[in-house]
N, C-alpha and C. Protein backbone atom coordinates (compact mmCIF):
# COMPACT_ATOMS: atom_id res chain seq x y z
N UNK A 1 2.55 20.60 40.06
CA UNK A 1 2.89 19.30 40.57
C UNK A 1 2.60 18.25 39.49
N UNK A 2 3.50 17.33 39.29
CA UNK A 2 3.40 16.31 38.27
C UNK A 2 2.74 15.06 38.87
N UNK A 3 1.68 14.58 38.20
CA UNK A 3 0.98 13.40 38.66
C UNK A 3 1.56 12.17 37.98
N UNK A 4 1.93 11.20 38.78
CA UNK A 4 2.45 9.94 38.25
C UNK A 4 1.58 8.82 38.79
N UNK A 5 1.14 7.95 37.90
CA UNK A 5 0.29 6.83 38.30
C UNK A 5 1.04 5.53 38.10
N UNK A 6 0.85 4.60 38.99
CA UNK A 6 1.44 3.27 38.86
C UNK A 6 0.34 2.31 38.45
N UNK A 7 0.56 1.64 37.31
CA UNK A 7 -0.41 0.68 36.81
C UNK A 7 -0.05 -0.72 37.29
N UNK A 8 -0.96 -1.65 37.08
CA UNK A 8 -0.78 -3.01 37.57
C UNK A 8 0.46 -3.69 36.98
N UNK A 9 0.97 -3.18 35.87
CA UNK A 9 2.17 -3.75 35.28
C UNK A 9 3.42 -3.30 36.04
N UNK A 10 3.25 -2.36 36.97
CA UNK A 10 4.36 -1.92 37.79
C UNK A 10 5.15 -0.78 37.19
N UNK A 11 4.71 -0.22 36.07
CA UNK A 11 5.45 0.90 35.48
C UNK A 11 4.76 2.21 35.84
N UNK A 12 5.53 3.25 35.91
CA UNK A 12 4.99 4.57 36.22
C UNK A 12 4.75 5.33 34.92
N UNK A 13 3.57 5.94 34.82
CA UNK A 13 3.20 6.67 33.61
C UNK A 13 2.57 7.98 34.04
N UNK A 14 3.02 9.08 33.46
CA UNK A 14 2.43 10.37 33.77
C UNK A 14 1.19 10.59 32.93
N UNK A 15 0.37 11.53 33.33
CA UNK A 15 -0.82 11.89 32.57
C UNK A 15 -0.46 12.37 31.18
N UNK A 16 0.68 13.04 31.05
CA UNK A 16 1.13 13.54 29.76
C UNK A 16 1.46 12.37 28.83
N UNK A 17 2.10 11.33 29.35
CA UNK A 17 2.44 10.15 28.55
C UNK A 17 1.17 9.46 28.06
N UNK A 18 0.18 9.37 28.93
CA UNK A 18 -1.10 8.76 28.54
C UNK A 18 -1.70 9.56 27.38
N UNK A 19 -1.63 10.89 27.46
CA UNK A 19 -2.13 11.73 26.38
C UNK A 19 -1.40 11.45 25.08
N UNK A 20 -0.06 11.32 25.15
CA UNK A 20 0.72 11.06 23.93
C UNK A 20 0.39 9.70 23.33
N UNK A 21 0.22 8.70 24.16
CA UNK A 21 -0.15 7.38 23.66
C UNK A 21 -1.50 7.46 22.98
N UNK A 22 -2.45 8.17 23.60
CA UNK A 22 -3.77 8.32 23.01
C UNK A 22 -3.68 9.07 21.69
N UNK A 23 -2.88 10.14 21.66
CA UNK A 23 -2.75 10.94 20.45
C UNK A 23 -2.17 10.09 19.32
N UNK A 24 -1.14 9.29 19.60
CA UNK A 24 -0.56 8.44 18.56
C UNK A 24 -1.56 7.37 18.11
N UNK A 25 -2.36 6.86 19.05
CA UNK A 25 -3.41 5.91 18.69
C UNK A 25 -4.41 6.60 17.77
N UNK A 26 -4.78 7.84 18.12
CA UNK A 26 -5.72 8.60 17.31
C UNK A 26 -5.15 8.81 15.92
N UNK A 27 -3.88 9.16 15.83
CA UNK A 27 -3.22 9.34 14.54
C UNK A 27 -3.19 8.04 13.75
N UNK A 28 -2.93 6.95 14.43
CA UNK A 28 -2.88 5.67 13.73
C UNK A 28 -4.26 5.29 13.18
N UNK A 29 -5.31 5.64 13.90
CA UNK A 29 -6.67 5.38 13.41
C UNK A 29 -6.98 6.25 12.19
N UNK A 30 -6.51 7.49 12.20
CA UNK A 30 -6.67 8.38 11.05
C UNK A 30 -5.93 7.79 9.85
N UNK A 31 -4.70 7.36 10.08
CA UNK A 31 -3.90 6.76 9.01
C UNK A 31 -4.57 5.51 8.47
N UNK A 32 -5.04 4.66 9.36
CA UNK A 32 -5.69 3.41 8.94
C UNK A 32 -6.89 3.72 8.04
N UNK A 33 -7.69 4.69 8.39
CA UNK A 33 -8.86 5.04 7.58
C UNK A 33 -8.44 5.53 6.20
N UNK A 34 -7.40 6.34 6.15
CA UNK A 34 -6.91 6.86 4.87
C UNK A 34 -6.36 5.73 4.00
N UNK A 35 -5.60 4.82 4.61
CA UNK A 35 -5.02 3.72 3.84
C UNK A 35 -6.08 2.71 3.43
N UNK A 36 -7.09 2.51 4.27
CA UNK A 36 -8.19 1.62 3.91
C UNK A 36 -8.92 2.16 2.68
N UNK A 37 -9.09 3.47 2.61
CA UNK A 37 -9.79 4.05 1.45
C UNK A 37 -8.97 3.88 0.17
N UNK A 38 -7.65 3.92 0.27
CA UNK A 38 -6.81 3.65 -0.90
C UNK A 38 -6.95 2.18 -1.32
N UNK A 39 -6.95 1.29 -0.34
CA UNK A 39 -6.97 -0.14 -0.61
C UNK A 39 -8.27 -0.59 -1.28
N UNK A 40 -9.35 0.08 -0.99
CA UNK A 40 -10.65 -0.26 -1.58
C UNK A 40 -10.58 -0.19 -3.10
N UNK A 41 -9.81 0.77 -3.61
CA UNK A 41 -9.71 0.98 -5.06
C UNK A 41 -8.88 -0.09 -5.77
N UNK A 42 -8.05 -0.83 -5.05
CA UNK A 42 -7.13 -1.77 -5.68
C UNK A 42 -7.83 -2.82 -6.52
N UNK A 43 -8.93 -3.36 -6.05
CA UNK A 43 -9.60 -4.44 -6.78
C UNK A 43 -10.22 -3.95 -8.09
N UNK A 44 -10.40 -2.66 -8.23
CA UNK A 44 -10.91 -2.08 -9.48
C UNK A 44 -9.75 -1.55 -10.33
N UNK A 45 -8.80 -0.92 -9.66
CA UNK A 45 -7.70 -0.25 -10.35
C UNK A 45 -6.82 -1.21 -11.15
N UNK A 46 -6.34 -2.26 -10.53
CA UNK A 46 -5.39 -3.14 -11.21
C UNK A 46 -5.99 -3.87 -12.42
N UNK A 47 -7.19 -4.43 -12.33
CA UNK A 47 -7.78 -5.03 -13.54
C UNK A 47 -8.02 -4.01 -14.65
N UNK A 48 -8.35 -2.78 -14.29
CA UNK A 48 -8.60 -1.76 -15.32
C UNK A 48 -7.31 -1.39 -16.06
N UNK A 49 -6.17 -1.53 -15.42
CA UNK A 49 -4.91 -1.24 -16.09
C UNK A 49 -4.66 -2.23 -17.22
N UNK A 50 -4.93 -3.48 -16.97
CA UNK A 50 -4.75 -4.51 -17.99
C UNK A 50 -5.66 -4.20 -19.18
N UNK A 51 -6.90 -3.84 -18.91
CA UNK A 51 -7.83 -3.50 -19.99
C UNK A 51 -7.35 -2.28 -20.76
N UNK A 52 -6.80 -1.31 -20.05
CA UNK A 52 -6.30 -0.09 -20.68
C UNK A 52 -5.14 -0.42 -21.63
N UNK A 53 -4.21 -1.25 -21.18
CA UNK A 53 -3.08 -1.63 -22.01
C UNK A 53 -3.56 -2.37 -23.26
N UNK A 54 -4.46 -3.33 -23.08
CA UNK A 54 -4.97 -4.08 -24.22
C UNK A 54 -5.73 -3.17 -25.18
N UNK A 55 -6.45 -2.21 -24.64
CA UNK A 55 -7.16 -1.24 -25.49
C UNK A 55 -6.21 -0.41 -26.33
N UNK A 56 -5.12 0.04 -25.74
CA UNK A 56 -4.12 0.83 -26.47
C UNK A 56 -3.47 -0.02 -27.57
N UNK A 57 -3.13 -1.26 -27.23
CA UNK A 57 -2.52 -2.15 -28.23
C UNK A 57 -3.47 -2.41 -29.39
N UNK A 58 -4.74 -2.64 -29.09
CA UNK A 58 -5.74 -2.89 -30.13
C UNK A 58 -5.92 -1.67 -31.02
N UNK A 59 -5.99 -0.49 -30.40
CA UNK A 59 -6.14 0.75 -31.15
C UNK A 59 -4.98 0.98 -32.10
N UNK A 60 -3.79 0.63 -31.67
CA UNK A 60 -2.60 0.82 -32.51
C UNK A 60 -2.39 -0.34 -33.49
N UNK A 61 -3.26 -1.34 -33.43
CA UNK A 61 -3.16 -2.45 -34.36
C UNK A 61 -2.11 -3.49 -34.00
N UNK A 62 -1.64 -3.48 -32.77
CA UNK A 62 -0.66 -4.46 -32.33
C UNK A 62 -1.36 -5.73 -31.85
N UNK A 63 -0.76 -6.88 -32.07
CA UNK A 63 -1.38 -8.13 -31.61
C UNK A 63 -1.32 -8.23 -30.08
N UNK A 64 -2.38 -8.78 -29.52
CA UNK A 64 -2.42 -8.96 -28.07
C UNK A 64 -1.62 -10.19 -27.64
N UNK A 65 -1.42 -11.11 -28.55
CA UNK A 65 -0.72 -12.35 -28.22
C UNK A 65 0.77 -12.23 -28.54
N UNK A 66 1.44 -11.37 -27.80
CA UNK A 66 2.88 -11.21 -27.98
C UNK A 66 3.54 -10.98 -26.63
N UNK A 67 4.83 -11.23 -26.60
CA UNK A 67 5.56 -11.00 -25.35
C UNK A 67 5.57 -9.51 -25.01
N UNK A 68 5.45 -8.66 -26.04
CA UNK A 68 5.41 -7.21 -25.79
C UNK A 68 4.16 -6.82 -25.00
N UNK A 69 3.03 -7.45 -25.29
CA UNK A 69 1.80 -7.12 -24.55
C UNK A 69 1.92 -7.57 -23.10
N UNK A 70 2.56 -8.71 -22.86
CA UNK A 70 2.79 -9.17 -21.49
C UNK A 70 3.68 -8.17 -20.76
N UNK A 71 4.73 -7.73 -21.44
CA UNK A 71 5.65 -6.76 -20.84
C UNK A 71 4.96 -5.44 -20.51
N UNK A 72 4.09 -4.99 -21.39
CA UNK A 72 3.38 -3.72 -21.16
C UNK A 72 2.40 -3.82 -19.99
N UNK A 73 1.74 -4.96 -19.86
CA UNK A 73 0.85 -5.16 -18.72
C UNK A 73 1.67 -5.16 -17.43
N UNK A 74 2.79 -5.87 -17.45
CA UNK A 74 3.67 -5.91 -16.29
C UNK A 74 4.14 -4.50 -15.91
N UNK A 75 4.57 -3.71 -16.89
CA UNK A 75 5.05 -2.35 -16.63
C UNK A 75 3.95 -1.47 -16.05
N UNK A 76 2.75 -1.58 -16.57
CA UNK A 76 1.63 -0.77 -16.07
C UNK A 76 1.33 -1.12 -14.61
N UNK A 77 1.34 -2.41 -14.29
CA UNK A 77 1.08 -2.83 -12.91
C UNK A 77 2.21 -2.39 -11.99
N UNK A 78 3.45 -2.53 -12.45
CA UNK A 78 4.60 -2.11 -11.66
C UNK A 78 4.54 -0.60 -11.38
N UNK A 79 4.23 0.18 -12.41
CA UNK A 79 4.14 1.64 -12.23
C UNK A 79 3.04 2.02 -11.25
N UNK A 80 1.93 1.30 -11.30
CA UNK A 80 0.83 1.60 -10.38
C UNK A 80 1.18 1.20 -8.95
N UNK A 81 1.90 0.10 -8.78
CA UNK A 81 2.36 -0.28 -7.44
C UNK A 81 3.33 0.76 -6.88
N UNK A 82 4.18 1.31 -7.74
CA UNK A 82 5.10 2.37 -7.31
C UNK A 82 4.32 3.61 -6.88
N UNK A 83 3.29 3.96 -7.66
CA UNK A 83 2.44 5.09 -7.27
C UNK A 83 1.74 4.83 -5.94
N UNK A 84 1.27 3.59 -5.76
CA UNK A 84 0.59 3.25 -4.52
C UNK A 84 1.53 3.40 -3.33
N UNK A 85 2.77 2.96 -3.49
CA UNK A 85 3.76 3.12 -2.42
C UNK A 85 3.94 4.60 -2.10
N UNK A 86 4.07 5.43 -3.13
CA UNK A 86 4.21 6.88 -2.92
C UNK A 86 2.99 7.46 -2.22
N UNK A 87 1.80 6.98 -2.57
CA UNK A 87 0.58 7.46 -1.92
C UNK A 87 0.54 7.07 -0.44
N UNK A 88 0.95 5.86 -0.15
CA UNK A 88 0.96 5.40 1.25
C UNK A 88 1.95 6.23 2.05
N UNK A 89 3.15 6.42 1.51
CA UNK A 89 4.16 7.22 2.21
C UNK A 89 3.69 8.66 2.39
N UNK A 90 3.01 9.19 1.40
CA UNK A 90 2.47 10.55 1.50
C UNK A 90 1.43 10.65 2.62
N UNK A 91 0.57 9.64 2.73
CA UNK A 91 -0.43 9.64 3.80
C UNK A 91 0.23 9.54 5.17
N UNK A 92 1.27 8.73 5.28
CA UNK A 92 2.00 8.61 6.55
C UNK A 92 2.61 9.95 6.92
N UNK A 93 3.26 10.60 5.96
CA UNK A 93 3.85 11.92 6.23
C UNK A 93 2.79 12.93 6.64
N UNK A 94 1.66 12.92 5.94
CA UNK A 94 0.59 13.86 6.23
C UNK A 94 0.05 13.68 7.65
N UNK A 95 -0.15 12.44 8.06
CA UNK A 95 -0.75 12.17 9.36
C UNK A 95 0.24 12.44 10.50
N UNK A 96 1.52 12.13 10.29
CA UNK A 96 2.48 12.22 11.39
C UNK A 96 3.37 13.46 11.35
N UNK A 97 3.22 14.35 10.38
CA UNK A 97 4.01 15.59 10.35
C UNK A 97 3.66 16.43 11.58
N UNK A 98 4.69 16.95 12.20
CA UNK A 98 4.57 17.82 13.39
C UNK A 98 3.94 17.12 14.59
N UNK A 99 4.04 15.82 14.65
CA UNK A 99 3.52 15.05 15.78
C UNK A 99 4.68 14.69 16.70
N UNK A 100 4.49 14.93 17.98
CA UNK A 100 5.51 14.52 18.95
C UNK A 100 5.39 13.02 19.16
N UNK A 101 6.49 12.33 19.01
CA UNK A 101 6.51 10.88 19.19
C UNK A 101 7.57 10.56 20.23
N UNK A 102 7.14 9.91 21.29
CA UNK A 102 8.06 9.58 22.37
C UNK A 102 8.95 8.40 22.00
N UNK A 103 8.39 7.38 21.40
CA UNK A 103 9.14 6.17 21.06
C UNK A 103 9.20 6.04 19.54
N UNK A 104 10.15 6.74 18.95
CA UNK A 104 10.27 6.78 17.50
C UNK A 104 10.58 5.41 16.91
N UNK A 105 11.35 4.59 17.63
CA UNK A 105 11.69 3.26 17.12
C UNK A 105 10.45 2.38 17.00
N UNK A 106 9.58 2.44 18.01
CA UNK A 106 8.35 1.67 17.97
C UNK A 106 7.43 2.17 16.85
N UNK A 107 7.32 3.48 16.70
CA UNK A 107 6.50 4.04 15.63
C UNK A 107 7.06 3.64 14.28
N UNK A 108 8.37 3.76 14.10
CA UNK A 108 9.00 3.40 12.82
C UNK A 108 8.74 1.94 12.47
N UNK A 109 8.87 1.06 13.45
CA UNK A 109 8.62 -0.36 13.22
C UNK A 109 7.15 -0.59 12.84
N UNK A 110 6.25 0.09 13.53
CA UNK A 110 4.83 -0.05 13.23
C UNK A 110 4.48 0.45 11.84
N UNK A 111 5.06 1.60 11.46
CA UNK A 111 4.78 2.17 10.13
C UNK A 111 5.40 1.31 9.04
N UNK A 112 6.58 0.77 9.30
CA UNK A 112 7.22 -0.12 8.33
C UNK A 112 6.35 -1.36 8.12
N UNK A 113 5.83 -1.90 9.20
CA UNK A 113 4.94 -3.05 9.11
C UNK A 113 3.67 -2.73 8.34
N UNK A 114 3.12 -1.56 8.60
CA UNK A 114 1.90 -1.14 7.90
C UNK A 114 2.16 -0.96 6.41
N UNK A 115 3.27 -0.32 6.06
CA UNK A 115 3.65 -0.13 4.66
C UNK A 115 3.82 -1.49 3.98
N UNK A 116 4.53 -2.39 4.63
CA UNK A 116 4.77 -3.72 4.08
C UNK A 116 3.46 -4.47 3.86
N UNK A 117 2.57 -4.40 4.86
CA UNK A 117 1.27 -5.09 4.76
C UNK A 117 0.44 -4.54 3.61
N UNK A 118 0.40 -3.22 3.50
CA UNK A 118 -0.41 -2.59 2.44
C UNK A 118 0.15 -2.88 1.05
N UNK A 119 1.48 -2.83 0.92
CA UNK A 119 2.08 -3.12 -0.38
C UNK A 119 1.95 -4.60 -0.75
N UNK A 120 2.04 -5.46 0.23
CA UNK A 120 1.85 -6.90 -0.03
C UNK A 120 0.43 -7.16 -0.52
N UNK A 121 -0.53 -6.50 0.07
CA UNK A 121 -1.92 -6.66 -0.35
C UNK A 121 -2.12 -6.18 -1.78
N UNK A 122 -1.61 -4.99 -2.08
CA UNK A 122 -1.72 -4.45 -3.45
C UNK A 122 -0.95 -5.33 -4.42
N UNK A 123 0.22 -5.79 -4.01
CA UNK A 123 1.03 -6.66 -4.86
C UNK A 123 0.35 -7.97 -5.17
N UNK A 124 -0.35 -8.52 -4.19
CA UNK A 124 -1.08 -9.78 -4.41
C UNK A 124 -2.19 -9.60 -5.45
N UNK A 125 -2.88 -8.48 -5.36
CA UNK A 125 -3.94 -8.21 -6.34
C UNK A 125 -3.33 -8.00 -7.73
N UNK A 126 -2.26 -7.21 -7.80
CA UNK A 126 -1.59 -6.95 -9.08
C UNK A 126 -1.05 -8.25 -9.68
N UNK A 127 -0.47 -9.09 -8.86
CA UNK A 127 0.07 -10.36 -9.33
C UNK A 127 -1.03 -11.26 -9.87
N UNK A 128 -2.13 -11.32 -9.16
CA UNK A 128 -3.26 -12.13 -9.59
C UNK A 128 -3.80 -11.62 -10.93
N UNK A 129 -3.92 -10.31 -11.06
CA UNK A 129 -4.40 -9.70 -12.31
C UNK A 129 -3.42 -10.02 -13.44
N UNK A 130 -2.13 -9.89 -13.17
CA UNK A 130 -1.12 -10.16 -14.20
C UNK A 130 -1.22 -11.60 -14.67
N UNK A 131 -1.25 -12.53 -13.73
CA UNK A 131 -1.28 -13.96 -14.10
C UNK A 131 -2.56 -14.31 -14.87
N UNK A 132 -3.69 -13.83 -14.38
CA UNK A 132 -4.95 -14.18 -15.05
C UNK A 132 -5.10 -13.48 -16.39
N UNK A 133 -4.64 -12.24 -16.50
CA UNK A 133 -4.84 -11.50 -17.74
C UNK A 133 -3.84 -11.89 -18.82
N UNK A 134 -2.74 -12.49 -18.45
CA UNK A 134 -1.74 -12.88 -19.46
C UNK A 134 -1.66 -14.39 -19.65
N UNK A 135 -2.48 -15.14 -18.93
CA UNK A 135 -2.42 -16.60 -19.01
C UNK A 135 -2.62 -17.11 -20.44
N UNK A 136 -3.67 -16.64 -21.10
CA UNK A 136 -3.94 -17.12 -22.45
C UNK A 136 -2.85 -16.67 -23.43
N UNK A 137 -2.30 -15.50 -23.21
CA UNK A 137 -1.22 -15.01 -24.08
C UNK A 137 0.02 -15.86 -23.88
N UNK A 138 0.37 -16.12 -22.63
CA UNK A 138 1.57 -16.92 -22.33
C UNK A 138 1.43 -18.32 -22.89
N UNK A 139 0.23 -18.86 -22.89
CA UNK A 139 0.00 -20.21 -23.41
C UNK A 139 0.20 -20.28 -24.92
N UNK A 140 -0.01 -19.16 -25.62
CA UNK A 140 0.11 -19.13 -27.08
C UNK A 140 1.51 -18.83 -27.57
N UNK A 141 2.36 -18.32 -26.69
CA UNK A 141 3.72 -17.98 -27.09
C UNK A 141 4.59 -19.22 -26.94
N UNK A 142 5.27 -19.63 -28.01
CA UNK A 142 6.10 -20.82 -27.92
C UNK A 142 7.31 -20.57 -27.01
N UNK A 143 7.72 -21.59 -26.26
CA UNK A 143 8.89 -21.42 -25.38
C UNK A 143 10.16 -21.20 -26.21
N UNK A 144 11.09 -20.51 -25.63
CA UNK A 144 12.36 -20.20 -26.34
C UNK A 144 13.27 -21.39 -26.38
C-alpha cells in the first residue's frame, strides 16, 4: 500500500518523494563541501601564479616591465580558471552520477547557478590578482 501525505501547502507527497528530496539535499551538501574545499585554495593559488610567471621571466632574463609579462600573467590566470571550471564540473559529475533525480530541470538550474557562483568568485580573485600584480607594469608601459 502506498502512503500519501498531504502537507499544509495542499500538495500530496509520498514517502518515496520525501526520501528523494532528502537524498538530493544530502548530495547537494556533499557537493557544497567539495566545492568549498576547492574555493579555499583560490586565495593562495591565484597570487602564486603571478609569482611563478615573474619567476620564470626573471630566470630567463626577460624584463618584467613589458606587455609580454602582462600577457603571460593573464594567460596563467585564464588557464587556472579553466582548470577550476573543469574541477567543479568533475565534482558535480562525481556527486550526481547514478543519482535518481525527479526534477531534472530544477537540479540543472541549481547546478548552473552553483557553477556560475563558484566561477564568479574565482574570477573575482583572479581579476584582483591580475590588476594588482600588473598595475606597476601597466603604469610604466607608454600608451600606444
